[in-house]
């Protein structure tokens, strides 16, 4: 029988972003709305869609060989797993999410010490309790099933909630008091699966291609032609063109320059390239960048 790698992917808010990146990495995954078992064009993979909150527990106990989940849920579950890699993407921005302690704008609470004897609502119960214990504070922590921001004004004294930009908290007239944890998605593996040579190679291949796909998201390729006599000045004045590929053109005295650069510098760079004598400038998207 062909060996299989059991992979857990997050269902819910991170599902779409995760499937997009898996597609860029090379795996075409189709999800049926009535099934938690997606189709994948790789007969060596078995994929299960599971809530991110639970994936690390199933990886730890061996029901899954590996999985993609947030660092926050690994910490919340106190899961003993092997961390293969960190992948910096979120629902909104390419930046980590934060779990923050927040209170109404007019609350007298200014620090964690002011939570003594107070009431806190959060989905991250275990981590919040550890945070309070570290600061020598005793407070009641209850699990929140949702709409946590609303509870801060009427039902509890404070909340611990996840945020990416802080806009939702500001919209609900909440003030951040402290950050408990910064979290990014992680690829994790069961310790026994990681010791298995075949499974480890499969997991490492997945990590490599995912990193390449995510690196490509912030970069573009750039091609241009330029007279050979202008090349040195071009590279000296434009340090963004690091280690370009240089090749000769059929027209004597002209060369082609091909490079990969950060996408955010292109708008300033192309006019400078044109001014430096470059012609036939082409910008093109990338699917993977593997170093």
C-alpha atoms as a PDB file:
ATOM      1  CA  UNK A   1       0.000   0.000   0.000  1.00  0.00           C
ATOM      2  CA  UNK A   2       1.140   3.530  -0.798  1.00  0.00           C
ATOM      3  CA  UNK A   3       2.232   5.486   2.232  1.00  0.00           C
ATOM      4  CA  UNK A   4       0.022   8.384   3.287  1.00  0.00           C
ATOM      5  CA  UNK A   5       0.701  11.603   5.150  1.00  0.00           C
ATOM      6  CA  UNK A   6      -2.253  12.833   7.223  1.00  0.00           C
ATOM      7  CA  UNK A   7      -2.386  16.616   7.083  1.00  0.00           C
ATOM      8  CA  UNK A   8      -4.683  18.862   9.086  1.00  0.00           C
ATOM      9  CA  UNK A   9      -5.642  22.235   7.599  1.00  0.00           C
ATOM     10  CA  UNK A  10      -7.622  24.916   9.453  1.00  0.00           C
ATOM     11  CA  UNK A  11     -11.320  25.189   8.765  1.00  0.00           C
ATOM     12  CA  UNK A  12     -12.840  28.621   9.240  1.00  0.00           C
ATOM     13  CA  UNK A  13     -11.238  32.049   9.061  1.00  0.00           C
ATOM     14  CA  UNK A  14      -7.830  30.818   7.859  1.00  0.00           C
ATOM     15  CA  UNK A  15      -9.192  28.203   5.467  1.00  0.00           C
ATOM     16  CA  UNK A  16      -9.290  30.284   2.290  1.00  0.00           C
ATOM     17  CA  UNK A  17      -5.858  31.827   2.837  1.00  0.00           C
ATOM     18  CA  UNK A  18      -4.378  28.401   3.611  1.00  0.00           C
ATOM     19  CA  UNK A  19      -5.864  26.722   0.530  1.00  0.00           C
ATOM     20  CA  UNK A  20      -4.644  29.592  -1.666  1.00  0.00           C
ATOM     21  CA  UNK A  21      -1.095  29.128  -0.427  1.00  0.00           C
ATOM     22  CA  UNK A  22      -1.266  25.366  -0.750  1.00  0.00           C
ATOM     23  CA  UNK A  23      -2.339  25.884  -4.368  1.00  0.00           C
ATOM     24  CA  UNK A  24       0.616  28.174  -5.019  1.00  0.00           C
ATOM     25  CA  UNK A  25       2.871  25.598  -3.391  1.00  0.00           C
ATOM     26  CA  UNK A  26       1.594  23.018  -5.889  1.00  0.00           C
ATOM     27  CA  UNK A  27      -1.346  21.197  -4.280  1.00  0.00           C
ATOM     28  CA  UNK A  28      -4.779  21.577  -5.848  1.00  0.00           C
ATOM     29  CA  UNK A  29      -7.315  21.078  -3.046  1.00  0.00           C
ATOM     30  CA  UNK A  30     -11.072  21.011  -3.657  1.00  0.00           C
ATOM     31  CA  UNK A  31     -13.457  21.392  -0.740  1.00  0.00           C
ATOM     32  CA  UNK A  32     -16.993  20.073  -0.685  1.00  0.00           C
ATOM     33  CA  UNK A  33     -19.167  22.180   1.632  1.00  0.00           C
ATOM     34  CA  UNK A  34     -20.728  18.986   3.012  1.00  0.00           C
ATOM     35  CA  UNK A  35     -17.451  17.192   3.710  1.00  0.00           C
ATOM     36  CA  UNK A  36     -14.427  17.706   5.948  1.00  0.00           C
ATOM     37  CA  UNK A  37     -12.374  15.445   3.663  1.00  0.00           C
ATOM     38  CA  UNK A  38     -11.199  17.528   0.687  1.00  0.00           C
ATOM     39  CA  UNK A  39      -9.903  16.190  -2.590  1.00  0.00           C
ATOM     40  CA  UNK A  40      -6.193  16.772  -3.229  1.00  0.00           C
ATOM     41  CA  UNK A  41      -4.267  15.955  -6.408  1.00  0.00           C
ATOM     42  CA  UNK A  42      -1.654  13.977  -4.470  1.00  0.00           C
ATOM     43  CA  UNK A  43      -2.376  10.362  -3.618  1.00  0.00           C
ATOM     44  CA  UNK A  44       0.261  10.477  -0.866  1.00  0.00           C
ATOM     45  CA  UNK A  45      -1.755  13.034   1.110  1.00  0.00           C
ATOM     46  CA  UNK A  46      -4.880  12.680   3.237  1.00  0.00           C
ATOM     47  CA  UNK A  47      -6.266  16.064   4.261  1.00  0.00           C
ATOM     48  CA  UNK A  48      -8.720  16.843   7.027  1.00  0.00           C
ATOM     49  CA  UNK A  49     -10.281  20.251   7.600  1.00  0.00           C
ATOM     50  CA  UNK A  50     -10.400  20.856  11.346  1.00  0.00           C
ATOM     51  CA  UNK A  51     -10.790  23.939  13.507  1.00  0.00           C
ATOM     52  CA  UNK A  52      -7.391  25.567  14.033  1.00  0.00           C
ATOM     53  CA  UNK A  53      -8.043  25.431  17.784  1.00  0.00           C
ATOM     54  CA  UNK A  54      -7.913  21.622  17.702  1.00  0.00           C
ATOM     55  CA  UNK A  55      -5.221  20.762  15.166  1.00  0.00           C
ATOM     56  CA  UNK A  56      -2.255  20.799  17.543  1.00  0.00           C
ATOM     57  CA  UNK A  57      -3.994  18.311  19.872  1.00  0.00           C
ATOM     58  CA  UNK A  58      -4.657  15.887  17.028  1.00  0.00           C
ATOM     59  CA  UNK A  59      -1.070  16.224  15.795  1.00  0.00           C
ATOM     60  CA  UNK A  60       0.247  15.618  19.305  1.00  0.00           C
ATOM     61  CA  UNK A  61      -1.789  12.447  19.828  1.00  0.00           C
ATOM     62  CA  UNK A  62      -0.983  11.076  16.360  1.00  0.00           C
ATOM     63  CA  UNK A  63      -4.395  11.258  14.703  1.00  0.00           C
ATOM     64  CA  UNK A  64      -2.670  13.666  12.289  1.00  0.00           C
ATOM     65  CA  UNK A  65       0.949  13.447  11.139  1.00  0.00           C
ATOM     66  CA  UNK A  66       1.218  17.187  10.655  1.00  0.00           C
ATOM     67  CA  UNK A  67      -0.900  20.291  10.412  1.00  0.00           C
ATOM     68  CA  UNK A  68      -1.058  24.022   9.863  1.00  0.00           C
ATOM     69  CA  UNK A  69      -2.331  25.975  12.832  1.00  0.00           C
ATOM     70  CA  UNK A  70      -1.632  29.121  14.781  1.00  0.00           C
ATOM     71  CA  UNK A  71       1.110  29.413  17.371  1.00  0.00           C
ATOM     72  CA  UNK A  72      -1.601  30.727  19.700  1.00  0.00           C
ATOM     73  CA  UNK A  73      -3.478  27.413  19.686  1.00  0.00           C
ATOM     74  CA  UNK A  74      -0.288  25.402  20.162  1.00  0.00           C
ATOM     75  CA  UNK A  75       0.329  27.460  23.293  1.00  0.00           C
ATOM     76  CA  UNK A  76      -3.291  27.358  24.431  1.00  0.00           C
ATOM     77  CA  UNK A  77      -3.327  23.548  24.179  1.00  0.00           C
ATOM     78  CA  UNK A  78       0.226  23.289  25.560  1.00  0.00           C
ATOM     79  CA  UNK A  79       0.844  20.788  22.757  1.00  0.00           C
ATOM     80  CA  UNK A  80       4.074  18.821  22.564  1.00  0.00           C
ATOM     81  CA  UNK A  81       4.746  18.861  18.800  1.00  0.00           C
ATOM     82  CA  UNK A  82       7.668  19.436  16.465  1.00  0.00           C
ATOM     83  CA  UNK A  83       7.585  22.880  14.863  1.00  0.00           C
ATOM     84  CA  UNK A  84       8.662  22.605  11.226  1.00  0.00           C
ATOM     85  CA  UNK A  85       8.314  26.207  10.174  1.00  0.00           C
ATOM     86  CA  UNK A  86       6.619  29.572  10.567  1.00  0.00           C
ATOM     87  CA  UNK A  87       4.520  31.009   7.758  1.00  0.00           C
ATOM     88  CA  UNK A  88       3.725  34.687   8.044  1.00  0.00           C
ATOM     89  CA  UNK A  89       0.266  35.163   6.633  1.00  0.00           C
ATOM     90  CA  UNK A  90      -3.065  36.166   8.117  1.00  0.00           C
ATOM     91  CA  UNK A  91      -6.627  36.837   7.041  1.00  0.00           C
ATOM     92  CA  UNK A  92      -6.041  40.539   6.324  1.00  0.00           C
ATOM     93  CA  UNK A  93      -2.365  41.456   6.240  1.00  0.00           C
ATOM     94  CA  UNK A  94       0.983  39.763   5.934  1.00  0.00           C
ATOM     95  CA  UNK A  95       1.725  40.329   9.604  1.00  0.00           C
ATOM     96  CA  UNK A  96       1.300  38.411  12.876  1.00  0.00           C
ATOM     97  CA  UNK A  97      -1.931  38.447  14.829  1.00  0.00           C
ATOM     98  CA  UNK A  98      -1.916  39.547  18.465  1.00  0.00           C
ATOM     99  CA  UNK A  99      -3.904  38.396  21.465  1.00  0.00           C
ATOM    100  CA  UNK A 100      -4.458  41.509  23.528  1.00  0.00           C
ATOM    101  CA  UNK A 101      -5.996  42.476  26.836  1.00  0.00           C
ATOM    102  CA  UNK A 102      -8.635  45.106  26.081  1.00  0.00           C
ATOM    103  CA  UNK A 103     -11.061  47.171  28.135  1.00  0.00           C
ATOM    104  CA  UNK A 104     -13.647  49.876  27.405  1.00  0.00           C
ATOM    105  CA  UNK A 105     -12.084  53.259  26.632  1.00  0.00           C
ATOM    106  CA  UNK A 106     -13.408  54.756  29.883  1.00  0.00           C
ATOM    107  CA  UNK A 107     -12.344  51.798  32.077  1.00  0.00           C
ATOM    108  CA  UNK A 108     -10.115  52.566  35.084  1.00  0.00           C
ATOM    109  CA  UNK A 109      -8.062  49.429  34.281  1.00  0.00           C
ATOM    110  CA  UNK A 110      -4.602  50.530  33.126  1.00  0.00           C
ATOM    111  CA  UNK A 111      -2.464  47.433  33.667  1.00  0.00           C
ATOM    112  CA  UNK A 112      -2.726  43.740  34.382  1.00  0.00           C
ATOM    113  CA  UNK A 113      -2.431  44.468  38.125  1.00  0.00           C
ATOM    114  CA  UNK A 114      -5.792  46.264  37.975  1.00  0.00           C
ATOM    115  CA  UNK A 115      -7.481  42.976  37.024  1.00  0.00           C
ATOM    116  CA  UNK A 116      -7.298  41.626  40.567  1.00  0.00           C
ATOM    117  CA  UNK A 117     -10.720  40.186  41.398  1.00  0.00           C
ATOM    118  CA  UNK A 118     -12.109  41.140  37.980  1.00  0.00           C
ATOM    119  CA  UNK A 119     -13.974  39.125  35.343  1.00  0.00           C
ATOM    120  CA  UNK A 120     -12.386  38.373  31.932  1.00  0.00           C
ATOM    121  CA  UNK A 121     -13.900  36.757  28.831  1.00  0.00           C
ATOM    122  CA  UNK A 122     -11.777  35.085  26.158  1.00  0.00           C
ATOM    123  CA  UNK A 123     -11.451  32.095  23.867  1.00  0.00           C
ATOM    124  CA  UNK A 124      -7.830  31.719  25.019  1.00  0.00           C
ATOM    125  CA  UNK A 125      -8.624  30.628  28.573  1.00  0.00           C
ATOM    126  CA  UNK A 126      -5.522  28.618  29.482  1.00  0.00           C
ATOM    127  CA  UNK A 127      -3.039  31.151  28.174  1.00  0.00           C
ATOM    128  CA  UNK A 128      -4.904  33.992  29.893  1.00  0.00           C
ATOM    129  CA  UNK A 129      -4.801  32.152  33.205  1.00  0.00           C
ATOM    130  CA  UNK A 130      -1.062  31.574  32.820  1.00  0.00           C
ATOM    131  CA  UNK A 131      -0.593  35.258  32.004  1.00  0.00           C
ATOM    132  CA  UNK A 132      -2.447  36.308  35.153  1.00  0.00           C
ATOM    133  CA  UNK A 133      -0.489  33.825  37.252  1.00  0.00           C
ATOM    134  CA  UNK A 134       2.802  35.220  35.935  1.00  0.00           C
ATOM    135  CA  UNK A 135       1.766  38.641  37.191  1.00  0.00           C
ATOM    136  CA  UNK A 136       0.445  37.387  40.516  1.00  0.00           C
ATOM    137  CA  UNK A 137      -3.138  38.377  39.705  1.00  0.00           C
ATOM    138  CA  UNK A 138      -6.245  36.391  40.620  1.00  0.00           C
ATOM    139  CA  UNK A 139      -9.237  36.965  38.357  1.00  0.00           C
ATOM    140  CA  UNK A 140     -12.128  34.967  36.950  1.00  0.00           C
ATOM    141  CA  UNK A 141     -11.580  33.834  33.343  1.00  0.00           C
ATOM    142  CA  UNK A 142     -14.543  32.518  31.372  1.00  0.00           C
ATOM    143  CA  UNK A 143     -14.636  30.987  27.897  1.00  0.00           C
ATOM    144  CA  UNK A 144     -16.260  33.222  25.303  1.00  0.00           C
ATOM    145  CA  UNK A 145     -18.190  31.610  22.473  1.00  0.00           C
ATOM    146  CA  UNK A 146     -18.101  34.753  20.354  1.00  0.00           C
ATOM    147  CA  UNK A 147     -19.075  38.447  20.245  1.00  0.00           C
ATOM    148  CA  UNK A 148     -16.387  38.990  22.849  1.00  0.00           C
ATOM    149  CA  UNK A 149     -16.016  42.715  22.106  1.00  0.00           C
ATOM    150  CA  UNK A 150     -19.659  43.334  23.031  1.00  0.00           C
ATOM    151  CA  UNK A 151     -19.263  41.623  26.414  1.00  0.00           C
ATOM    152  CA  UNK A 152     -16.551  44.078  27.485  1.00  0.00           C
ATOM    153  CA  UNK A 153     -19.094  46.865  27.894  1.00  0.00           C
ATOM    154  CA  UNK A 154     -21.825  45.007  29.746  1.00  0.00           C
ATOM    155  CA  UNK A 155     -20.897  41.567  31.053  1.00  0.00           C
ATOM    156  CA  UNK A 156     -17.187  41.472  31.979  1.00  0.00           C
ATOM    157  CA  UNK A 157     -14.467  43.863  33.068  1.00  0.00           C
ATOM    158  CA  UNK A 158     -12.004  42.976  30.319  1.00  0.00           C
ATOM    159  CA  UNK A 159     -11.480  40.690  27.361  1.00  0.00           C
ATOM    160  CA  UNK A 160      -8.538  38.919  25.770  1.00  0.00           C
ATOM    161  CA  UNK A 161      -9.161  38.966  22.041  1.00  0.00           C
ATOM    162  CA  UNK A 162      -7.249  38.419  18.808  1.00  0.00           C
ATOM    163  CA  UNK A 163      -6.556  41.350  16.520  1.00  0.00           C
ATOM    164  CA  UNK A 164      -4.617  42.019  13.347  1.00  0.00           C
ATOM    165  CA  UNK A 165      -4.977  45.773  12.900  1.00  0.00           C
ATOM    166  CA  UNK A 166      -6.878  46.820  16.033  1.00  0.00           C
ATOM    167  CA  UNK A 167      -9.647  48.336  13.899  1.00  0.00           C
ATOM    168  CA  UNK A 168     -12.399  46.097  15.306  1.00  0.00           C
ATOM    169  CA  UNK A 169     -11.429  46.972  18.871  1.00  0.00           C
ATOM    170  CA  UNK A 170     -11.412  50.680  18.094  1.00  0.00           C
ATOM    171  CA  UNK A 171     -14.775  50.382  16.366  1.00  0.00           C
ATOM    172  CA  UNK A 172     -16.154  48.855  19.557  1.00  0.00           C
ATOM    173  CA  UNK A 173     -14.614  51.630  21.679  1.00  0.00           C
ATOM    174  CA  UNK A 174     -12.097  49.347  23.332  1.00  0.00           C
ATOM    175  CA  UNK A 175      -8.581  50.199  24.478  1.00  0.00           C
ATOM    176  CA  UNK A 176      -5.626  47.794  24.403  1.00  0.00           C
ATOM    177  CA  UNK A 177      -3.936  47.417  27.787  1.00  0.00           C
ATOM    178  CA  UNK A 178      -1.337  44.751  27.001  1.00  0.00           C
ATOM    179  CA  UNK A 179      -0.305  42.111  24.453  1.00  0.00           C
ATOM    180  CA  UNK A 180      -0.284  38.542  25.744  1.00  0.00           C
ATOM    181  CA  UNK A 181       0.943  36.741  22.635  1.00  0.00           C
ATOM    182  CA  UNK A 182       2.006  37.366  19.047  1.00  0.00           C
ATOM    183  CA  UNK A 183       0.991  34.533  16.757  1.00  0.00           C
ATOM    184  CA  UNK A 184       1.674  33.308  13.232  1.00  0.00           C
ATOM    185  CA  UNK A 185       0.655  30.099  11.453  1.00  0.00           C
ATOM    186  CA  UNK A 186       3.031  27.182  11.990  1.00  0.00           C
ATOM    187  CA  UNK A 187       3.527  23.886  10.250  1.00  0.00           C
ATOM    188  CA  UNK A 188       3.817  21.314  13.023  1.00  0.00           C
ATOM    189  CA  UNK A 189       4.467  17.571  13.057  1.00  0.00           C
ATOM    190  CA  UNK A 190       3.878  14.676  15.383  1.00  0.00           C
ATOM    191  CA  UNK A 191       7.185  13.567  16.932  1.00  0.00           C
ATOM    192  CA  UNK A 192       6.845   9.981  15.692  1.00  0.00           C
ATOM    193  CA  UNK A 193       5.901  11.146  12.193  1.00  0.00           C
ATOM    194  CA  UNK A 194       8.946  13.428  12.160  1.00  0.00           C
ATOM    195  CA  UNK A 195      11.175  10.434  12.990  1.00  0.00           C
ATOM    196  CA  UNK A 196       9.749   8.470  10.052  1.00  0.00           C
ATOM    197  CA  UNK A 197      12.109   9.117   7.071  1.00  0.00           C
ATOM    198  CA  UNK A 198       9.399   9.064   4.388  1.00  0.00           C
ATOM    199  CA  UNK A 199       6.973  11.276   6.287  1.00  0.00           C
ATOM    200  CA  UNK A 200       9.722  13.700   7.246  1.00  0.00           C
ATOM    201  CA  UNK A 201      10.812  14.098   3.604  1.00  0.00           C
ATOM    202  CA  UNK A 202       7.197  14.702   2.592  1.00  0.00           C
ATOM    203  CA  UNK A 203       6.702  17.303   5.336  1.00  0.00           C
ATOM    204  CA  UNK A 204      10.002  19.034   4.539  1.00  0.00           C
ATOM    205  CA  UNK A 205       9.059  19.185   0.851  1.00  0.00           C
ATOM    206  CA  UNK A 206       5.748  20.787   1.770  1.00  0.00           C
ATOM    207  CA  UNK A 207       7.508  23.330   3.994  1.00  0.00           C
ATOM    208  CA  UNK A 208      10.012  24.174   1.257  1.00  0.00           C
ATOM    209  CA  UNK A 209       7.334  24.778  -1.366  1.00  0.00           C
ATOM    210  CA  UNK A 210       5.119  26.737   1.005  1.00  0.00           C
ATOM    211  CA  UNK A 211       8.023  29.027   1.892  1.00  0.00           C
ATOM    212  CA  UNK A 212       8.763  29.470  -1.796  1.00  0.00           C
ATOM    213  CA  UNK A 213       5.156  30.324  -2.572  1.00  0.00           C
ATOM    214  CA  UNK A 214       4.925  32.836   0.256  1.00  0.00           C
ATOM    215  CA  UNK A 215       8.241  34.445  -0.606  1.00  0.00           C
ATOM    216  CA  UNK A 216       6.952  34.926  -4.156  1.00  0.00           C
ATOM    217  CA  UNK A 217       3.941  36.864  -2.872  1.00  0.00           C
ATOM    218  CA  UNK A 218       6.077  39.897  -2.032  1.00  0.00           C
ATOM    219  CA  UNK A 219       8.429  39.741  -5.006  1.00  0.00           C
ATOM    220  CA  UNK A 220       8.281  40.143  -8.776  1.00  0.00           C
ATOM    221  CA  UNK A 221      10.573  39.334 -11.651  1.00  0.00           C
ATOM    222  CA  UNK A 222      12.033  42.136 -13.753  1.00  0.00           C
ATOM    223  CA  UNK A 223      13.584  41.823 -17.217  1.00  0.00           C
ATOM    224  CA  UNK A 224      15.179  44.532 -19.311  1.00  0.00           C
ATOM    225  CA  UNK A 225      17.695  45.185 -22.073  1.00  0.00           C
ATOM    226  CA  UNK A 226      20.535  47.673 -21.738  1.00  0.00           C
ATOM    227  CA  UNK A 227      23.734  48.595 -23.506  1.00  0.00           C
ATOM    228  CA  UNK A 228      26.653  46.754 -21.959  1.00  0.00           C
ATOM    229  CA  UNK A 229      28.576  49.978 -21.394  1.00  0.00           C
ATOM    230  CA  UNK A 230      25.798  51.214 -19.064  1.00  0.00           C
ATOM    231  CA  UNK A 231      25.530  48.072 -16.951  1.00  0.00           C
ATOM    232  CA  UNK A 232      28.093  48.962 -14.265  1.00  0.00           C
ATOM    233  CA  UNK A 233      26.511  52.343 -13.643  1.00  0.00           C
ATOM    234  CA  UNK A 234      23.065  50.755 -13.561  1.00  0.00           C
ATOM    235  CA  UNK A 235      24.030  48.229 -10.893  1.00  0.00           C
ATOM    236  CA  UNK A 236      25.959  50.800  -8.869  1.00  0.00           C
ATOM    237  CA  UNK A 237      23.135  53.308  -8.763  1.00  0.00           C
ATOM    238  CA  UNK A 238      20.357  50.765  -8.262  1.00  0.00           C
ATOM    239  CA  UNK A 239      21.301  48.445  -5.381  1.00  0.00           C
ATOM    240  CA  UNK A 240      17.881  46.788  -5.541  1.00  0.00           C
ATOM    241  CA  UNK A 241      19.217  44.832  -8.541  1.00  0.00           C
ATOM    242  CA  UNK A 242      21.164  42.290  -6.524  1.00  0.00           C
ATOM    243  CA  UNK A 243      22.855  39.364  -8.256  1.00  0.00           C
ATOM    244  CA  UNK A 244      20.992  39.710 -11.554  1.00  0.00           C
ATOM    245  CA  UNK A 245      21.248  37.206 -14.383  1.00  0.00           C
ATOM    246  CA  UNK A 246      23.147  38.720 -17.301  1.00  0.00           C
ATOM    247  CA  UNK A 247      22.978  37.308 -20.825  1.00  0.00           C
ATOM    248  CA  UNK A 248      24.111  38.489 -24.246  1.00  0.00           C
ATOM    249  CA  UNK A 249      21.647  39.597 -26.895  1.00  0.00           C
ATOM    250  CA  UNK A 250      21.960  38.982 -30.623  1.00  0.00           C
ATOM    251  CA  UNK A 251      22.612  42.688 -31.113  1.00  0.00           C
ATOM    252  CA  UNK A 252      26.281  43.402 -30.337  1.00  0.00           C
ATOM    253  CA  UNK A 253      26.918  45.613 -27.321  1.00  0.00           C
ATOM    254  CA  UNK A 254      23.536  44.880 -25.707  1.00  0.00           C
ATOM    255  CA  UNK A 255      22.715  42.549 -22.820  1.00  0.00           C
ATOM    256  CA  UNK A 256      19.620  41.299 -21.030  1.00  0.00           C
ATOM    257  CA  UNK A 257      19.248  41.716 -17.276  1.00  0.00           C
ATOM    258  CA  UNK A 258      16.893  39.495 -15.285  1.00  0.00           C
ATOM    259  CA  UNK A 259      16.358  39.850 -11.538  1.00  0.00           C
ATOM    260  CA  UNK A 260      13.922  39.296  -8.658  1.00  0.00           C
ATOM    261  CA  UNK A 261      13.075  42.246  -6.412  1.00  0.00           C
ATOM    262  CA  UNK A 262      10.598  43.257  -3.716  1.00  0.00           C
ATOM    263  CA  UNK A 263       7.336  44.298  -5.322  1.00  0.00           C
ATOM    264  CA  UNK A 264       6.970  47.486  -3.280  1.00  0.00           C
ATOM    265  CA  UNK A 265      10.084  49.076  -4.842  1.00  0.00           C
ATOM    266  CA  UNK A 266       9.054  48.518  -8.470  1.00  0.00           C
ATOM    267  CA  UNK A 267       7.082  51.735  -8.868  1.00  0.00           C
ATOM    268  CA  UNK A 268      10.143  53.802  -7.961  1.00  0.00           C
ATOM    269  CA  UNK A 269      12.605  51.529  -9.715  1.00  0.00           C
ATOM    270  CA  UNK A 270      11.171  51.291 -13.235  1.00  0.00           C
ATOM    271  CA  UNK A 271      11.409  55.065 -13.990  1.00  0.00           C
ATOM    272  CA  UNK A 272      15.024  54.987 -12.762  1.00  0.00           C
ATOM    273  CA  UNK A 273      15.803  51.998 -14.963  1.00  0.00           C
ATOM    274  CA  UNK A 274      14.340  53.797 -17.941  1.00  0.00           C
ATOM    275  CA  UNK A 275      16.371  56.901 -17.172  1.00  0.00           C
ATOM    276  CA  UNK A 276      19.520  54.770 -16.900  1.00  0.00           C
ATOM    277  CA  UNK A 277      19.055  53.499 -20.451  1.00  0.00           C
ATOM    278  CA  UNK A 278      17.130  50.269 -19.910  1.00  0.00           C
ATOM    279  CA  UNK A 279      14.674  49.260 -22.637  1.00  0.00           C
ATOM    280  CA  UNK A 280      12.021  46.565 -23.011  1.00  0.00           C
ATOM    281  CA  UNK A 281      11.377  46.495 -19.267  1.00  0.00           C
ATOM    282  CA  UNK A 282       9.034  43.665 -18.286  1.00  0.00           C
ATOM    283  CA  UNK A 283       7.594  43.047 -14.820  1.00  0.00           C
ATOM    284  CA  UNK A 284       6.147  39.586 -14.239  1.00  0.00           C
ATOM    285  CA  UNK A 285       4.580  37.746 -11.274  1.00  0.00           C
ATOM    286  CA  UNK A 286       6.250  34.827  -9.555  1.00  0.00           C
ATOM    287  CA  UNK A 287       4.761  31.600  -8.249  1.00  0.00           C
ATOM    288  CA  UNK A 288       7.644  30.420  -6.069  1.00  0.00           C
ATOM    289  CA  UNK A 289      10.988  31.792  -4.941  1.00  0.00           C
ATOM    290  CA  UNK A 290      13.198  29.130  -3.359  1.00  0.00           C
ATOM    291  CA  UNK A 291      16.580  30.126  -2.002  1.00  0.00           C
END
